[in-house]
Amino acid sequence: MRLIRLFAFAAPLALLLPLSANAAWPAGVKAQYMKDCTAAASQNNKVNTAEAEKHCGCGADVLEKKFTTQEISQLMDPKTPPTAELGQRALKEISVCRVQK
């Protein structure tokens, strides 16, 4: 009987774990990331706007899944650059988002 009660309590918590694993973008930061990334990717007409948006959206999703909210804030802070380690980790993770030509 105790095991059933424990399971009844633990099951909803276990279902919430995947929701807490993803970080939340700080307010307005994701939109700024998308704007900056899309502008940089489509600079000099090397990549069309649709492909740039697709690539940048992929990068935003990767950051959201693999980094904490605090790490995202550090990466996107215009006043202080991120640590070299954090910057390299972000580039490595985002590299899965290749633009297909």
N, C-alpha and C. Protein backbone atom coordinates (compact mmCIF):
# COMPACT_ATOMS: atom_id res chain seq x y z
N MET A 1 0.80 -1.18 0.00
CA MET A 1 0.00 0.00 0.00
C MET A 1 0.86 1.26 0.00
N ARG A 2 1.92 1.27 0.77
CA ARG A 2 2.81 2.44 0.81
C ARG A 2 3.45 2.70 -0.54
N LEU A 3 3.79 1.63 -1.24
CA LEU A 3 4.43 1.77 -2.53
C LEU A 3 3.49 2.45 -3.53
N ILE A 4 2.22 2.12 -3.48
CA ILE A 4 1.24 2.74 -4.39
C ILE A 4 1.13 4.23 -4.09
N ARG A 5 1.10 4.59 -2.82
CA ARG A 5 1.02 6.01 -2.46
C ARG A 5 2.28 6.75 -2.92
N LEU A 6 3.42 6.12 -2.72
CA LEU A 6 4.68 6.74 -3.14
C LEU A 6 4.69 6.93 -4.66
N PHE A 7 4.24 5.91 -5.37
CA PHE A 7 4.19 6.01 -6.83
C PHE A 7 3.22 7.11 -7.26
N ALA A 8 2.08 7.21 -6.60
CA ALA A 8 1.10 8.23 -6.93
C ALA A 8 1.67 9.63 -6.72
N PHE A 9 2.54 9.78 -5.77
CA PHE A 9 3.17 11.07 -5.52
C PHE A 9 4.32 11.33 -6.49
N ALA A 10 5.11 10.30 -6.79
CA ALA A 10 6.31 10.46 -7.60
C ALA A 10 6.02 10.56 -9.10
N ALA A 11 4.98 9.91 -9.57
CA ALA A 11 4.70 9.89 -11.01
C ALA A 11 4.49 11.28 -11.59
N PRO A 12 3.67 12.15 -10.99
CA PRO A 12 3.53 13.49 -11.57
C PRO A 12 4.83 14.29 -11.56
N LEU A 13 5.63 14.10 -10.52
CA LEU A 13 6.92 14.80 -10.47
C LEU A 13 7.84 14.32 -11.58
N ALA A 14 7.85 13.01 -11.83
CA ALA A 14 8.69 12.46 -12.89
C ALA A 14 8.26 12.98 -14.26
N LEU A 15 6.98 13.19 -14.44
CA LEU A 15 6.49 13.71 -15.72
C LEU A 15 6.87 15.17 -15.93
N LEU A 16 7.10 15.89 -14.85
CA LEU A 16 7.48 17.30 -14.96
C LEU A 16 8.97 17.50 -15.21
N LEU A 17 9.78 16.49 -14.97
CA LEU A 17 11.24 16.64 -15.15
C LEU A 17 11.64 17.09 -16.54
N PRO A 18 11.10 16.52 -17.62
CA PRO A 18 11.50 17.01 -18.94
C PRO A 18 11.18 18.48 -19.16
N LEU A 19 10.12 18.98 -18.54
CA LEU A 19 9.77 20.38 -18.70
C LEU A 19 10.77 21.29 -18.00
N SER A 20 11.32 20.83 -16.89
CA SER A 20 12.27 21.66 -16.17
C SER A 20 13.68 21.56 -16.74
N ALA A 21 13.92 20.60 -17.62
CA ALA A 21 15.26 20.42 -18.18
C ALA A 21 15.60 21.52 -19.18
N ASN A 22 14.59 22.07 -19.85
CA ASN A 22 14.84 23.11 -20.83
C ASN A 22 14.94 24.46 -20.15
N ALA A 23 15.89 25.24 -20.59
CA ALA A 23 16.03 26.59 -20.04
C ALA A 23 15.07 27.52 -20.75
N ALA A 24 14.76 28.57 -20.09
CA ALA A 24 13.91 29.59 -20.70
C ALA A 24 14.80 30.75 -21.15
N TRP A 25 14.52 31.28 -22.32
CA TRP A 25 15.23 32.46 -22.78
C TRP A 25 14.80 33.63 -21.93
N PRO A 26 15.73 34.48 -21.53
CA PRO A 26 15.32 35.71 -20.84
C PRO A 26 14.44 36.55 -21.78
N ALA A 27 13.58 37.36 -21.20
CA ALA A 27 12.62 38.15 -21.98
C ALA A 27 13.31 38.98 -23.07
N GLY A 28 12.85 38.83 -24.29
CA GLY A 28 13.35 39.61 -25.41
C GLY A 28 14.68 39.16 -25.99
N VAL A 29 15.38 38.27 -25.32
CA VAL A 29 16.72 37.87 -25.76
C VAL A 29 16.66 36.95 -26.97
N LYS A 30 15.68 36.06 -27.01
CA LYS A 30 15.57 35.15 -28.15
C LYS A 30 15.28 35.94 -29.43
N ALA A 31 14.41 36.93 -29.34
CA ALA A 31 14.09 37.75 -30.51
C ALA A 31 15.33 38.50 -30.99
N GLN A 32 16.13 39.01 -30.06
CA GLN A 32 17.36 39.71 -30.43
C GLN A 32 18.36 38.74 -31.06
N TYR A 33 18.46 37.53 -30.50
CA TYR A 33 19.33 36.50 -31.07
C TYR A 33 18.93 36.20 -32.51
N MET A 34 17.62 35.99 -32.73
CA MET A 34 17.14 35.67 -34.06
C MET A 34 17.43 36.81 -35.03
N LYS A 35 17.22 38.04 -34.59
CA LYS A 35 17.47 39.20 -35.45
C LYS A 35 18.95 39.30 -35.83
N ASP A 36 19.82 39.20 -34.82
CA ASP A 36 21.26 39.30 -35.07
C ASP A 36 21.78 38.13 -35.90
N CYS A 37 21.32 36.94 -35.57
CA CYS A 37 21.79 35.74 -36.28
C CYS A 37 21.34 35.77 -37.74
N THR A 38 20.08 36.10 -37.97
CA THR A 38 19.56 36.15 -39.34
C THR A 38 20.29 37.20 -40.17
N ALA A 39 20.56 38.35 -39.57
CA ALA A 39 21.28 39.41 -40.29
C ALA A 39 22.69 38.95 -40.64
N ALA A 40 23.36 38.31 -39.69
CA ALA A 40 24.73 37.85 -39.93
C ALA A 40 24.76 36.72 -40.97
N ALA A 41 23.81 35.80 -40.89
CA ALA A 41 23.78 34.66 -41.81
C ALA A 41 23.46 35.07 -43.24
N SER A 42 22.61 36.07 -43.41
CA SER A 42 22.22 36.47 -44.76
C SER A 42 23.05 37.65 -45.28
N GLN A 43 24.08 38.03 -44.56
CA GLN A 43 24.95 39.13 -44.99
C GLN A 43 25.65 38.75 -46.30
N ASN A 44 25.77 39.70 -47.18
CA ASN A 44 26.42 39.51 -48.48
C ASN A 44 25.70 38.49 -49.36
N ASN A 45 24.41 38.23 -49.06
CA ASN A 45 23.59 37.31 -49.86
C ASN A 45 24.18 35.91 -49.98
N LYS A 46 24.96 35.48 -48.98
CA LYS A 46 25.52 34.13 -49.01
C LYS A 46 24.45 33.08 -48.71
N VAL A 47 23.47 33.45 -47.88
CA VAL A 47 22.39 32.54 -47.51
C VAL A 47 21.09 33.32 -47.65
N ASN A 48 20.06 32.71 -48.25
CA ASN A 48 18.80 33.42 -48.37
C ASN A 48 18.13 33.54 -47.00
N THR A 49 17.19 34.45 -46.89
CA THR A 49 16.57 34.77 -45.60
C THR A 49 15.86 33.56 -44.99
N ALA A 50 15.19 32.77 -45.80
CA ALA A 50 14.47 31.59 -45.27
C ALA A 50 15.44 30.59 -44.66
N GLU A 51 16.55 30.34 -45.35
CA GLU A 51 17.55 29.41 -44.82
C GLU A 51 18.21 29.97 -43.56
N ALA A 52 18.44 31.28 -43.55
CA ALA A 52 19.03 31.92 -42.37
C ALA A 52 18.11 31.78 -41.17
N GLU A 53 16.81 32.00 -41.37
CA GLU A 53 15.85 31.87 -40.28
C GLU A 53 15.78 30.42 -39.78
N LYS A 54 15.84 29.47 -40.70
CA LYS A 54 15.81 28.06 -40.33
C LYS A 54 17.05 27.71 -39.50
N HIS A 55 18.21 28.14 -39.97
CA HIS A 55 19.46 27.86 -39.27
C HIS A 55 19.47 28.52 -37.88
N CYS A 56 19.06 29.76 -37.81
CA CYS A 56 19.07 30.48 -36.54
C CYS A 56 18.04 29.92 -35.57
N GLY A 57 16.90 29.49 -36.08
CA GLY A 57 15.90 28.84 -35.24
C GLY A 57 16.43 27.55 -34.64
N CYS A 58 17.16 26.80 -35.44
CA CYS A 58 17.80 25.58 -34.96
C CYS A 58 18.78 25.91 -33.84
N GLY A 59 19.61 26.93 -34.06
CA GLY A 59 20.58 27.35 -33.04
C GLY A 59 19.90 27.79 -31.76
N ALA A 60 18.80 28.52 -31.88
CA ALA A 60 18.05 28.96 -30.70
C ALA A 60 17.49 27.77 -29.93
N ASP A 61 17.00 26.78 -30.66
CA ASP A 61 16.46 25.58 -30.02
C ASP A 61 17.57 24.81 -29.30
N VAL A 62 18.73 24.71 -29.93
CA VAL A 62 19.86 24.01 -29.31
C VAL A 62 20.28 24.71 -28.02
N LEU A 63 20.38 26.02 -28.08
CA LEU A 63 20.75 26.77 -26.88
C LEU A 63 19.74 26.55 -25.77
N GLU A 64 18.48 26.55 -26.13
CA GLU A 64 17.42 26.38 -25.14
C GLU A 64 17.47 25.00 -24.49
N LYS A 65 17.85 23.99 -25.27
CA LYS A 65 17.88 22.62 -24.75
C LYS A 65 19.16 22.30 -23.99
N LYS A 66 20.27 22.86 -24.41
CA LYS A 66 21.57 22.45 -23.87
C LYS A 66 22.17 23.40 -22.84
N PHE A 67 21.58 24.59 -22.67
CA PHE A 67 22.16 25.59 -21.78
C PHE A 67 21.13 26.06 -20.76
N THR A 68 21.62 26.48 -19.62
CA THR A 68 20.73 27.03 -18.60
C THR A 68 20.38 28.47 -18.97
N THR A 69 19.37 28.99 -18.31
CA THR A 69 18.97 30.38 -18.54
C THR A 69 20.13 31.32 -18.22
N GLN A 70 20.86 31.02 -17.17
CA GLN A 70 22.02 31.85 -16.78
C GLN A 70 23.10 31.81 -17.87
N GLU A 71 23.36 30.64 -18.43
CA GLU A 71 24.37 30.53 -19.49
C GLU A 71 23.92 31.28 -20.74
N ILE A 72 22.64 31.19 -21.07
CA ILE A 72 22.13 31.93 -22.23
C ILE A 72 22.30 33.42 -22.01
N SER A 73 22.01 33.87 -20.79
CA SER A 73 22.18 35.29 -20.46
C SER A 73 23.63 35.72 -20.63
N GLN A 74 24.56 34.88 -20.19
CA GLN A 74 25.99 35.20 -20.33
C GLN A 74 26.40 35.24 -21.79
N LEU A 75 25.88 34.32 -22.58
CA LEU A 75 26.22 34.29 -24.00
C LEU A 75 25.72 35.52 -24.73
N MET A 76 24.56 36.01 -24.33
CA MET A 76 23.91 37.09 -25.06
C MET A 76 24.14 38.47 -24.45
N ASP A 77 24.88 38.56 -23.36
CA ASP A 77 25.10 39.85 -22.70
C ASP A 77 26.00 40.73 -23.58
N PRO A 78 25.49 41.86 -24.07
CA PRO A 78 26.31 42.71 -24.95
C PRO A 78 27.42 43.45 -24.22
N LYS A 79 27.32 43.57 -22.90
CA LYS A 79 28.32 44.33 -22.14
C LYS A 79 29.55 43.51 -21.80
N THR A 80 29.36 42.23 -21.49
CA THR A 80 30.49 41.38 -21.13
C THR A 80 30.47 40.12 -21.97
N PRO A 81 31.55 39.83 -22.66
CA PRO A 81 31.58 38.62 -23.49
C PRO A 81 31.60 37.37 -22.61
N PRO A 82 31.09 36.26 -23.12
CA PRO A 82 31.12 35.01 -22.34
C PRO A 82 32.54 34.50 -22.20
N THR A 83 32.72 33.59 -21.27
CA THR A 83 34.04 32.97 -21.12
C THR A 83 34.36 32.21 -22.41
N ALA A 84 35.63 32.02 -22.66
CA ALA A 84 36.04 31.30 -23.87
C ALA A 84 35.45 29.89 -23.88
N GLU A 85 35.44 29.26 -22.73
CA GLU A 85 34.91 27.90 -22.63
C GLU A 85 33.42 27.85 -22.99
N LEU A 86 32.65 28.78 -22.46
CA LEU A 86 31.21 28.82 -22.74
C LEU A 86 30.96 29.15 -24.21
N GLY A 87 31.72 30.09 -24.75
CA GLY A 87 31.58 30.44 -26.16
C GLY A 87 31.89 29.27 -27.08
N GLN A 88 32.96 28.55 -26.78
CA GLN A 88 33.34 27.39 -27.60
C GLN A 88 32.30 26.28 -27.50
N ARG A 89 31.79 26.08 -26.29
CA ARG A 89 30.75 25.06 -26.09
C ARG A 89 29.50 25.41 -26.90
N ALA A 90 29.12 26.68 -26.90
CA ALA A 90 27.95 27.12 -27.67
C ALA A 90 28.17 26.89 -29.16
N LEU A 91 29.34 27.28 -29.65
CA LEU A 91 29.63 27.07 -31.08
C LEU A 91 29.61 25.59 -31.44
N LYS A 92 30.16 24.77 -30.57
CA LYS A 92 30.18 23.32 -30.82
C LYS A 92 28.75 22.76 -30.88
N GLU A 93 27.92 23.17 -29.92
CA GLU A 93 26.55 22.66 -29.89
C GLU A 93 25.73 23.16 -31.08
N ILE A 94 25.90 24.41 -31.45
CA ILE A 94 25.15 24.98 -32.57
C ILE A 94 25.64 24.44 -33.91
N SER A 95 26.83 23.89 -33.95
CA SER A 95 27.38 23.40 -35.21
C SER A 95 26.55 22.27 -35.83
N VAL A 96 25.64 21.68 -35.06
CA VAL A 96 24.77 20.64 -35.64
C VAL A 96 23.78 21.26 -36.61
N CYS A 97 23.63 22.56 -36.56
CA CYS A 97 22.68 23.27 -37.43
C CYS A 97 23.39 23.76 -38.68
N ARG A 98 23.68 22.89 -39.57
CA ARG A 98 24.37 23.26 -40.80
C ARG A 98 23.38 23.78 -41.83
N VAL A 99 23.78 24.80 -42.56
CA VAL A 99 22.95 25.32 -43.65
C VAL A 99 23.16 24.43 -44.86
N GLN A 100 22.07 23.89 -45.37
CA GLN A 100 22.14 23.03 -46.55
C GLN A 100 22.07 23.89 -47.80
N LYS A 101 23.00 23.67 -48.71
CA LYS A 101 23.01 24.42 -49.97
C LYS A 101 22.54 23.56 -51.11
